[in-house]
Protein backbone atom coordinates (compact mmCIF):
# COMPACT_ATOMS: atom_id res chain seq x y z
CA UNK A 1 34.09 107.15 12.69
CA UNK A 2 34.95 105.24 15.86
CA UNK A 3 35.93 108.40 17.69
CA UNK A 4 32.60 110.18 16.74
CA UNK A 5 30.74 107.12 17.99
CA UNK A 6 32.67 107.24 21.31
CA UNK A 7 31.92 110.88 21.57
CA UNK A 8 28.06 110.32 21.04
CA UNK A 9 28.00 107.53 23.58
CA UNK A 10 29.82 109.84 26.12
CA UNK A 11 27.28 112.58 25.78
CA UNK A 12 24.39 110.09 25.81
CA UNK A 13 25.84 108.88 29.27
CA UNK A 14 26.09 112.32 30.51
CA UNK A 15 22.38 112.99 29.75
CA UNK A 16 21.40 109.53 31.14
CA UNK A 17 23.09 110.22 34.42
CA UNK A 18 21.86 113.84 34.64
CA UNK A 19 25.44 115.24 34.48
CA UNK A 20 25.25 117.27 31.31
CA UNK A 21 24.90 120.65 32.99
CA UNK A 22 27.62 119.59 35.59
CA UNK A 23 29.86 118.79 32.55
CA UNK A 24 29.39 122.17 30.98
CA UNK A 25 29.95 124.00 34.29
CA UNK A 26 32.71 121.77 35.47
CA UNK A 27 35.22 123.31 37.91
CA UNK A 28 38.48 121.44 38.12
CA UNK A 29 39.73 123.30 41.15
CA UNK A 30 36.86 121.91 43.27
CA UNK A 31 37.78 118.23 42.37
CA UNK A 32 41.53 118.98 42.78
CA UNK A 33 40.76 120.39 46.20
CA UNK A 34 39.26 116.83 47.07
CA UNK A 35 42.73 115.43 46.57
CA UNK A 36 44.61 118.17 48.31
CA UNK A 37 42.40 117.86 51.54
CA UNK A 38 44.01 114.42 51.83
CA UNK A 39 47.70 115.60 51.60
CA UNK A 40 48.20 115.72 55.35
CA UNK A 41 47.41 111.99 55.67
CA UNK A 42 50.80 111.24 54.04
CA UNK A 43 52.63 114.54 54.79
CA UNK A 44 52.47 116.01 51.39
CA UNK A 45 53.18 119.68 50.48
CA UNK A 46 51.43 121.26 47.48
CA UNK A 47 54.10 123.78 46.78
CA UNK A 48 56.80 121.25 46.94
CA UNK A 49 54.88 118.98 44.59
CA UNK A 50 54.31 121.72 42.06
CA UNK A 51 58.04 122.78 42.21
CA UNK A 52 59.32 119.27 41.72
CA UNK A 53 57.00 118.42 38.91
CA UNK A 54 57.95 121.63 37.14
CA UNK A 55 61.62 120.74 37.47
CA UNK A 56 60.84 117.50 35.53
CA UNK A 57 58.73 119.32 32.84
CA UNK A 58 55.41 118.11 34.32
CA UNK A 59 52.46 120.45 34.96
CA UNK A 60 50.62 119.74 38.23
CA UNK A 61 47.43 121.22 36.61
CA UNK A 62 47.60 119.03 33.52
CA UNK A 63 44.36 117.04 33.21
CA UNK A 64 46.12 114.29 31.44
CA UNK A 65 48.75 113.76 34.13
CA UNK A 66 47.97 110.82 36.47
CA UNK A 67 47.94 112.02 40.01
CA UNK A 68 50.50 109.34 41.10
CA UNK A 69 53.27 111.51 39.59
CA UNK A 70 52.33 114.25 42.15
CA UNK A 71 52.00 111.78 45.03
CA UNK A 72 55.55 110.29 44.51
CA UNK A 73 56.95 113.83 43.80
CA UNK A 74 55.57 114.93 47.22
CA UNK A 75 57.10 111.95 48.85
CA UNK A 76 60.60 112.36 47.32
CA UNK A 77 63.50 112.54 49.54
CA UNK A 78 66.90 113.17 47.93
CA UNK A 79 68.94 112.42 50.91
CA UNK A 80 67.34 109.08 52.01
CA UNK A 81 68.11 105.53 50.88
CA UNK A 82 64.70 103.91 50.49
CA UNK A 83 63.83 100.54 48.94
CA UNK A 84 61.19 100.86 46.30
CA UNK A 85 59.34 98.26 44.24
CA UNK A 86 57.38 98.85 41.01
CA UNK A 87 55.16 95.98 39.80
CA UNK A 88 54.51 96.51 36.11
CA UNK A 89 57.36 98.17 34.36
CA UNK A 90 55.84 98.57 30.82
CA UNK A 91 57.96 101.14 28.98
CA UNK A 92 59.72 102.22 32.16
CA UNK A 93 58.59 105.79 31.94
CA UNK A 94 57.44 105.97 35.59
CA UNK A 95 60.51 103.89 36.70
CA UNK A 96 62.72 106.60 35.28
CA UNK A 97 60.73 109.34 37.14
CA UNK A 98 61.09 107.42 40.40
CA UNK A 99 64.84 107.15 39.89
CA UNK A 100 65.01 110.85 39.60
CA UNK A 101 62.74 111.55 42.55
CA UNK A 102 64.73 109.20 44.76
CA UNK A 103 68.29 109.31 43.45
CA UNK A 104 69.88 107.71 46.44
CA UNK A 105 67.27 104.92 46.78
CA UNK A 106 67.24 101.40 45.31
CA UNK A 107 64.43 100.89 42.87
CA UNK A 108 63.30 97.41 41.62
CA UNK A 109 60.92 97.06 38.73
CA UNK A 110 59.44 93.81 37.49
CA UNK A 111 57.41 92.71 34.49
CA UNK A 112 56.70 89.47 32.55
CA UNK A 113 59.19 87.53 30.46
CA UNK A 114 58.94 88.27 26.76
CA UNK A 115 57.00 85.50 25.04
CA UNK A 116 54.60 84.77 27.96
CA UNK A 117 50.99 84.81 27.05
CA UNK A 118 49.97 87.89 29.14
CA UNK A 119 53.02 89.87 28.06
CA UNK A 120 52.19 89.31 24.46
CA UNK A 121 48.64 90.35 25.03
CA UNK A 122 49.69 93.59 26.72
CA UNK A 123 52.30 94.31 24.14
CA UNK A 124 49.52 94.27 21.46
CA UNK A 125 48.20 97.36 23.18
CA UNK A 126 51.25 99.32 21.88
CA UNK A 127 49.83 99.64 18.45
CA UNK A 128 52.30 102.38 17.36
CA UNK A 129 55.44 100.71 18.64
CA UNK A 130 57.44 97.92 17.08
CA UNK A 131 58.94 95.36 19.48
CA UNK A 132 62.36 96.70 18.71
CA UNK A 133 61.21 100.28 19.49
CA UNK A 134 59.47 99.15 22.64
CA UNK A 135 62.59 97.54 24.10
CA UNK A 136 64.77 100.56 23.02
CA UNK A 137 62.45 102.96 25.00
CA UNK A 138 62.52 100.60 28.03
CA UNK A 139 66.28 100.24 27.93
CA UNK A 140 66.81 103.95 27.95
CA UNK A 141 64.34 104.52 30.74
CA UNK A 142 65.94 101.85 32.87
CA UNK A 143 69.53 102.81 32.36
CA UNK A 144 69.94 104.82 35.55
CA UNK A 145 72.22 103.26 38.10
CA UNK A 146 69.72 102.90 40.96
CA UNK A 147 67.25 100.89 38.89
CA UNK A 148 67.23 97.00 38.86
CA UNK A 149 64.89 95.39 36.37
CA UNK A 150 63.59 91.93 37.23
CA UNK A 151 61.94 89.94 34.38
CA UNK A 152 59.51 87.76 36.30
CA UNK A 153 55.85 87.03 36.82
CA UNK A 154 54.67 88.95 39.89
CA UNK A 155 53.12 85.66 41.16
CA UNK A 156 56.75 84.83 42.23
CA UNK A 157 57.44 88.15 44.00
CA UNK A 158 57.70 86.52 47.44
CA UNK A 159 60.36 84.08 46.07
CA UNK A 160 62.53 86.96 44.83
CA UNK A 161 62.31 89.54 47.56
CA UNK A 162 62.53 89.56 51.30
CA UNK A 163 59.33 90.12 53.29
CA UNK A 164 59.02 93.44 55.14
CA UNK A 165 61.78 95.01 53.07
CA UNK A 166 60.15 97.79 50.96
CA UNK A 167 59.38 101.34 51.99
CA UNK A 168 57.28 102.17 48.89
CA UNK A 169 55.49 100.08 46.33
CA UNK A 170 53.75 101.12 43.10
CA UNK A 171 51.37 98.53 41.75
CA UNK A 172 50.46 99.00 38.16
CA UNK A 173 50.35 95.45 36.66
CA UNK A 174 47.35 93.34 35.70
CA UNK A 175 44.18 95.10 37.14
CA UNK A 176 42.00 92.01 37.14
CA UNK A 177 41.73 88.81 39.16
CA UNK A 178 43.22 86.59 39.97
CA UNK A 179 46.44 88.40 39.40
CA UNK A 180 45.77 91.84 41.06
CA UNK A 181 44.56 90.25 44.27
CA UNK A 182 47.71 88.07 44.50
CA UNK A 183 49.88 91.28 43.71
CA UNK A 184 48.16 93.26 46.49
CA UNK A 185 48.69 90.43 49.02
CA UNK A 186 52.22 89.97 48.05
CA UNK A 187 52.74 93.72 48.25
CA UNK A 188 51.42 93.70 51.77
CA UNK A 189 53.92 91.10 52.86
CA UNK A 190 56.79 92.84 51.12
CA UNK A 191 56.05 96.24 52.77
CA UNK A 192 57.78 97.32 55.92
CA UNK A 193 55.52 98.46 58.87
CA UNK A 194 54.62 102.00 58.04
CA UNK A 195 55.34 101.38 54.28
CA UNK A 196 53.13 102.73 51.62
CA UNK A 197 51.45 100.76 48.83
CA UNK A 198 49.99 102.74 45.81
CA UNK A 199 47.59 100.96 43.47
CA UNK A 200 46.66 102.30 40.07
CA UNK A 201 43.23 102.50 38.44
CA UNK A 202 40.94 101.68 41.45
CA UNK A 203 37.25 102.00 40.43
CA UNK A 204 34.27 101.94 42.68
CA UNK A 205 31.59 101.87 39.84
CA UNK A 206 30.06 98.38 40.06
CA UNK A 207 29.52 98.37 36.27
CA UNK A 208 33.04 99.39 35.49
CA UNK A 209 34.98 98.17 38.49
CA UNK A 210 38.65 96.89 38.00
CA UNK A 211 39.40 94.14 40.62
CA UNK A 212 42.11 96.07 42.64
CA UNK A 213 39.46 97.63 44.92
CA UNK A 214 38.38 94.37 46.54
CA UNK A 215 41.74 93.20 48.05
CA UNK A 216 42.63 96.84 49.17
CA UNK A 217 39.15 97.16 50.77
CA UNK A 218 39.57 93.75 52.41
CA UNK A 219 42.88 94.53 54.04
CA UNK A 220 41.62 97.97 55.10
CA UNK A 221 38.53 96.47 56.74
CA UNK A 222 40.80 93.90 58.47
CA UNK A 223 42.65 96.78 59.94
CA UNK A 224 45.90 95.62 58.34
CA UNK A 225 46.33 98.85 56.25
CA UNK A 226 44.83 102.43 56.34
CA UNK A 227 43.76 103.46 52.88
CA UNK A 228 43.22 106.92 51.14
CA UNK A 229 41.87 107.22 47.65
CA UNK A 230 43.09 110.07 45.37
CA UNK A 231 41.19 110.90 42.07
CA UNK A 232 43.62 109.66 39.35
CA UNK A 233 42.98 112.61 36.99
CA UNK A 234 41.37 115.91 37.50
CA UNK A 235 39.04 116.12 34.47
CA UNK A 236 35.45 116.61 33.57
CA UNK A 237 35.41 113.09 32.24
CA UNK A 238 35.27 112.03 35.96
CA UNK A 239 31.70 112.77 35.80
CA UNK A 240 31.07 109.65 33.94
CA UNK A 241 33.73 107.23 35.07
CA UNK A 242 36.03 107.94 38.10
CA UNK A 243 39.38 106.23 38.62
CA UNK A 244 41.42 106.55 41.77
CA UNK A 245 44.92 105.81 42.99
CA UNK A 246 44.80 104.15 46.43
CA UNK A 247 47.42 104.79 49.00
CA UNK A 248 47.68 102.27 51.81
CA UNK A 249 49.90 102.47 54.97
CA UNK A 250 50.75 99.27 56.53
CA UNK A 251 49.90 99.11 60.25
């Protein structure tokens, strides 16, 4: 019943925003082209991305695949020792992907201590997983030798890592203030000059905006970083609610 109501609400929104015919005639290649026009800004190659994703059993054209997989696949360098930080481990699926993309690099990933209020709140979103199963999956995903897991609140990032030490940072923790603003600022100080910060689920819609946009936009306007926004998923659902992955280069 709930799924039917959500579907009705979705179509009502399409009609309300005059997007119904656009939805019917949606062309995913046109939206994908918007992302691909930005590839040169961070030296990405489409053919390389498609090939690397395929080698890991991912489909570049899959509408359910978040575009940050493509971005990090395009940046992967098997012969370079980079220092990479992931803020927000969750099950460690993407951590495992990073370790394969950058096999000679050092990857640090951090998440909250078990038992903390916000950890328990987020854990409840895993309705189909028992706590035992959750930790079993995470343990397997983090087993690769180039991964180091840090159980900590991201508020304390600057106490655990040296400033200007990371080449790449993936921020996928709490998407709301005050935490996300603190995480963006911490990430800025942890990045090397020329380093890249990627932030998940950036939204511009004032009625549905997550809070990550504001600190990214602030640092961009201060000329501290140069930011590009990639559509998170290439899907006709973007006509209602668009999410982006931001890519910010430290100046």
